[in-house]
Amino acid sequence: MSIPIVGITLDLAANPWTDLQREDLIHITEPLRVGALPGGMASGRASVAIAAFLPDGRPVVIETSLTAFLAAARVLQARYGDNEPRGRDA
């Protein structure tokens, strides 16, 4: 099994994923599950699994390396900060 590479788009409003603009797209917003798999990589390093259920009840699990997942999080955090409400938004 190969682990997917994580592609990062910093602004989907400005740069939409045109390959996903399809009538049969399934957009899942919640609930999502995120979990670590110690030793989940062939190298023995940890991987991350993200799971959700499709509207028909079938489960979907996407797995990538913890390294790629954390790199994506760092890039997004560098662009958007911690995204916590501040001042009057709190």
N, C-alpha and C. Protein backbone atom coordinates (compact mmCIF):
# COMPACT_ATOMS: atom_id res chain seq x y z
N MET A 1 0.85 -1.17 0.00
CA MET A 1 0.00 0.00 0.00
C MET A 1 0.89 1.23 0.00
N SER A 2 0.62 2.16 -0.90
CA SER A 2 1.39 3.41 -0.90
C SER A 2 0.61 4.48 -0.15
N ILE A 3 1.34 5.37 0.48
CA ILE A 3 0.76 6.45 1.27
C ILE A 3 0.62 7.68 0.37
N PRO A 4 -0.55 8.33 0.36
CA PRO A 4 -0.71 9.49 -0.51
C PRO A 4 0.16 10.67 -0.10
N ILE A 5 0.59 11.41 -1.10
CA ILE A 5 1.31 12.66 -0.89
C ILE A 5 0.28 13.72 -0.53
N VAL A 6 0.61 14.63 0.34
CA VAL A 6 -0.30 15.70 0.73
C VAL A 6 -0.02 16.93 -0.13
N GLY A 7 -0.99 17.33 -0.93
CA GLY A 7 -0.90 18.57 -1.70
C GLY A 7 -1.56 19.68 -0.90
N ILE A 8 -0.97 20.86 -0.90
CA ILE A 8 -1.48 21.96 -0.09
C ILE A 8 -1.91 23.10 -0.99
N THR A 9 -3.14 23.56 -0.79
CA THR A 9 -3.65 24.75 -1.46
C THR A 9 -3.99 25.75 -0.37
N LEU A 10 -3.30 26.88 -0.35
CA LEU A 10 -3.47 27.85 0.74
C LEU A 10 -4.77 28.63 0.66
N ASP A 11 -5.38 28.74 -0.52
CA ASP A 11 -6.62 29.52 -0.65
C ASP A 11 -7.49 28.88 -1.73
N LEU A 12 -8.42 28.03 -1.30
CA LEU A 12 -9.29 27.35 -2.25
C LEU A 12 -10.26 28.30 -2.94
N ALA A 13 -10.55 29.43 -2.32
CA ALA A 13 -11.43 30.41 -2.98
C ALA A 13 -10.73 31.01 -4.20
N ALA A 14 -9.44 31.27 -4.06
CA ALA A 14 -8.67 31.86 -5.16
C ALA A 14 -8.17 30.80 -6.14
N ASN A 15 -7.91 29.61 -5.63
CA ASN A 15 -7.35 28.52 -6.45
C ASN A 15 -8.14 27.23 -6.22
N PRO A 16 -9.35 27.15 -6.73
CA PRO A 16 -10.18 25.98 -6.46
C PRO A 16 -9.61 24.71 -7.11
N TRP A 17 -9.97 23.60 -6.53
CA TRP A 17 -9.59 22.31 -7.09
C TRP A 17 -10.52 22.02 -8.26
N THR A 18 -10.16 22.46 -9.44
CA THR A 18 -11.06 22.33 -10.60
C THR A 18 -11.31 20.88 -10.97
N ASP A 19 -10.39 19.99 -10.67
CA ASP A 19 -10.62 18.57 -10.97
C ASP A 19 -11.69 17.95 -10.09
N LEU A 20 -12.05 18.63 -8.99
CA LEU A 20 -13.09 18.12 -8.10
C LEU A 20 -14.43 18.81 -8.31
N GLN A 21 -14.51 19.72 -9.25
CA GLN A 21 -15.77 20.41 -9.52
C GLN A 21 -16.62 19.53 -10.41
N ARG A 22 -17.29 18.59 -9.75
CA ARG A 22 -18.10 17.58 -10.44
C ARG A 22 -19.44 17.45 -9.74
N GLU A 23 -20.44 17.04 -10.48
CA GLU A 23 -21.76 16.85 -9.88
C GLU A 23 -21.78 15.72 -8.89
N ASP A 24 -20.91 14.72 -9.06
CA ASP A 24 -20.92 13.56 -8.17
C ASP A 24 -19.98 13.72 -6.97
N LEU A 25 -19.47 14.92 -6.73
CA LEU A 25 -18.60 15.17 -5.59
C LEU A 25 -19.37 14.95 -4.29
N ILE A 26 -18.75 14.26 -3.37
CA ILE A 26 -19.32 14.07 -2.03
C ILE A 26 -18.51 14.93 -1.08
N HIS A 27 -19.14 15.94 -0.49
CA HIS A 27 -18.46 16.88 0.40
C HIS A 27 -18.85 16.53 1.83
N ILE A 28 -17.90 16.04 2.59
CA ILE A 28 -18.13 15.63 3.98
C ILE A 28 -17.51 16.69 4.88
N THR A 29 -18.30 17.27 5.77
CA THR A 29 -17.76 18.28 6.66
C THR A 29 -17.63 17.78 8.09
N GLU A 30 -18.40 16.82 8.50
CA GLU A 30 -18.27 16.27 9.84
C GLU A 30 -19.12 15.04 9.97
N PRO A 31 -18.94 14.19 10.91
CA PRO A 31 -17.77 14.16 11.79
C PRO A 31 -16.59 13.51 11.08
N LEU A 32 -15.42 13.99 11.37
CA LEU A 32 -14.18 13.39 10.89
C LEU A 32 -13.44 12.81 12.08
N ARG A 33 -12.74 11.74 11.84
CA ARG A 33 -11.88 11.16 12.89
C ARG A 33 -10.44 11.23 12.41
N VAL A 34 -9.56 11.59 13.30
CA VAL A 34 -8.13 11.62 13.00
C VAL A 34 -7.43 10.78 14.05
N GLY A 35 -6.58 9.89 13.60
CA GLY A 35 -5.87 9.04 14.54
C GLY A 35 -4.47 8.72 14.05
N ALA A 36 -3.59 8.43 14.98
CA ALA A 36 -2.22 8.07 14.65
C ALA A 36 -2.07 6.55 14.64
N LEU A 37 -1.23 6.09 13.74
CA LEU A 37 -0.89 4.67 13.67
C LEU A 37 0.61 4.54 13.93
N PRO A 38 0.99 4.24 15.18
CA PRO A 38 2.41 4.07 15.47
C PRO A 38 2.97 2.96 14.58
N GLY A 39 4.05 3.22 13.90
CA GLY A 39 4.63 2.21 13.02
C GLY A 39 3.81 1.97 11.77
N GLY A 40 2.94 2.90 11.41
CA GLY A 40 2.06 2.72 10.26
C GLY A 40 2.77 2.78 8.91
N MET A 41 3.96 3.34 8.88
CA MET A 41 4.72 3.44 7.64
C MET A 41 5.64 2.21 7.50
N ALA A 42 5.96 1.87 6.27
CA ALA A 42 6.88 0.75 6.04
C ALA A 42 8.20 0.97 6.76
N SER A 43 8.58 2.23 6.93
CA SER A 43 9.83 2.57 7.62
C SER A 43 9.74 2.36 9.13
N GLY A 44 8.52 2.16 9.63
CA GLY A 44 8.31 2.04 11.06
C GLY A 44 7.90 3.34 11.72
N ARG A 45 7.91 4.43 10.94
CA ARG A 45 7.49 5.72 11.48
C ARG A 45 5.96 5.79 11.53
N ALA A 46 5.44 6.77 12.26
CA ALA A 46 3.99 6.89 12.44
C ALA A 46 3.31 7.42 11.18
N SER A 47 2.06 7.01 11.02
CA SER A 47 1.22 7.57 9.97
C SER A 47 -0.04 8.13 10.61
N VAL A 48 -0.81 8.86 9.83
CA VAL A 48 -2.06 9.46 10.30
C VAL A 48 -3.19 8.97 9.42
N ALA A 49 -4.29 8.59 10.03
CA ALA A 49 -5.48 8.18 9.30
C ALA A 49 -6.59 9.20 9.57
N ILE A 50 -7.31 9.54 8.51
CA ILE A 50 -8.47 10.43 8.60
C ILE A 50 -9.66 9.64 8.07
N ALA A 51 -10.70 9.53 8.88
CA ALA A 51 -11.84 8.70 8.52
C ALA A 51 -13.13 9.50 8.56
N ALA A 52 -14.06 9.11 7.70
CA ALA A 52 -15.40 9.70 7.67
C ALA A 52 -16.34 8.67 7.07
N PHE A 53 -17.62 8.92 7.20
CA PHE A 53 -18.62 8.06 6.58
C PHE A 53 -19.27 8.79 5.42
N LEU A 54 -19.41 8.10 4.30
CA LEU A 54 -20.13 8.64 3.16
C LEU A 54 -21.62 8.71 3.50
N PRO A 55 -22.38 9.50 2.77
CA PRO A 55 -23.82 9.59 3.05
C PRO A 55 -24.54 8.24 3.01
N ASP A 56 -24.01 7.29 2.22
CA ASP A 56 -24.65 5.96 2.16
C ASP A 56 -24.17 5.04 3.28
N GLY A 57 -23.33 5.57 4.19
CA GLY A 57 -22.89 4.80 5.34
C GLY A 57 -21.55 4.10 5.17
N ARG A 58 -20.99 4.08 3.96
CA ARG A 58 -19.69 3.44 3.76
C ARG A 58 -18.59 4.28 4.38
N PRO A 59 -17.65 3.62 5.06
CA PRO A 59 -16.54 4.37 5.65
C PRO A 59 -15.45 4.64 4.61
N VAL A 60 -14.77 5.76 4.77
CA VAL A 60 -13.63 6.13 3.94
C VAL A 60 -12.49 6.46 4.88
N VAL A 61 -11.31 5.92 4.61
CA VAL A 61 -10.13 6.21 5.40
C VAL A 61 -9.02 6.66 4.45
N ILE A 62 -8.42 7.79 4.76
CA ILE A 62 -7.28 8.31 4.01
C ILE A 62 -6.10 8.28 4.97
N GLU A 63 -4.97 7.79 4.50
CA GLU A 63 -3.80 7.68 5.37
C GLU A 63 -2.61 8.36 4.71
N THR A 64 -1.84 9.05 5.50
CA THR A 64 -0.60 9.66 5.04
C THR A 64 0.41 9.61 6.17
N SER A 65 1.62 9.99 5.87
CA SER A 65 2.64 9.97 6.92
C SER A 65 2.39 11.11 7.91
N LEU A 66 2.78 10.89 9.15
CA LEU A 66 2.69 11.94 10.14
C LEU A 66 3.54 13.12 9.71
N THR A 67 4.67 12.86 9.08
CA THR A 67 5.54 13.94 8.60
C THR A 67 4.82 14.83 7.60
N ALA A 68 4.14 14.24 6.62
CA ALA A 68 3.40 15.02 5.62
C ALA A 68 2.22 15.76 6.25
N PHE A 69 1.52 15.11 7.16
CA PHE A 69 0.38 15.73 7.84
C PHE A 69 0.82 16.96 8.63
N LEU A 70 1.91 16.81 9.39
CA LEU A 70 2.41 17.93 10.19
C LEU A 70 2.97 19.05 9.31
N ALA A 71 3.60 18.70 8.20
CA ALA A 71 4.10 19.72 7.28
C ALA A 71 2.94 20.54 6.73
N ALA A 72 1.85 19.87 6.35
CA ALA A 72 0.66 20.59 5.86
C ALA A 72 0.12 21.50 6.94
N ALA A 73 0.04 21.01 8.17
CA ALA A 73 -0.46 21.84 9.28
C ALA A 73 0.43 23.05 9.51
N ARG A 74 1.74 22.87 9.43
CA ARG A 74 2.66 24.00 9.63
C ARG A 74 2.51 25.06 8.55
N VAL A 75 2.34 24.64 7.30
CA VAL A 75 2.16 25.59 6.20
C VAL A 75 0.87 26.38 6.40
N LEU A 76 -0.21 25.69 6.74
CA LEU A 76 -1.49 26.38 6.96
C LEU A 76 -1.41 27.31 8.17
N GLN A 77 -0.75 26.87 9.22
CA GLN A 77 -0.61 27.71 10.40
C GLN A 77 0.25 28.94 10.11
N ALA A 78 1.27 28.78 9.29
CA ALA A 78 2.10 29.93 8.93
C ALA A 78 1.28 30.96 8.17
N ARG A 79 0.33 30.51 7.37
CA ARG A 79 -0.51 31.42 6.58
C ARG A 79 -1.64 32.02 7.42
N TYR A 80 -2.28 31.21 8.26
CA TYR A 80 -3.50 31.64 8.96
C TYR A 80 -3.36 31.76 10.47
N GLY A 81 -2.19 31.51 11.01
CA GLY A 81 -2.02 31.55 12.46
C GLY A 81 -2.74 30.40 13.12
N ASP A 82 -3.09 30.58 14.38
CA ASP A 82 -3.77 29.50 15.09
C ASP A 82 -5.27 29.49 14.84
N ASN A 83 -5.78 30.49 14.11
CA ASN A 83 -7.18 30.58 13.70
C ASN A 83 -8.15 30.67 14.87
N GLU A 84 -7.65 31.04 16.03
CA GLU A 84 -8.50 31.20 17.21
C GLU A 84 -9.10 32.62 17.20
N PRO A 85 -10.35 32.74 17.65
CA PRO A 85 -10.95 34.09 17.72
C PRO A 85 -10.20 34.99 18.67
N ARG A 86 -10.14 36.25 18.33
CA ARG A 86 -9.43 37.24 19.15
C ARG A 86 -10.35 38.42 19.40
N GLY A 87 -10.16 39.06 20.54
CA GLY A 87 -10.89 40.29 20.84
C GLY A 87 -12.38 40.14 20.71
N ARG A 88 -12.99 40.96 19.89
CA ARG A 88 -14.45 40.96 19.76
C ARG A 88 -14.99 39.71 19.11
N ASP A 89 -14.12 38.94 18.38
CA ASP A 89 -14.58 37.70 17.75
C ASP A 89 -14.69 36.56 18.73
N ALA A 90 -14.12 36.71 19.93
CA ALA A 90 -14.06 35.59 20.88
C ALA A 90 -15.44 35.23 21.39
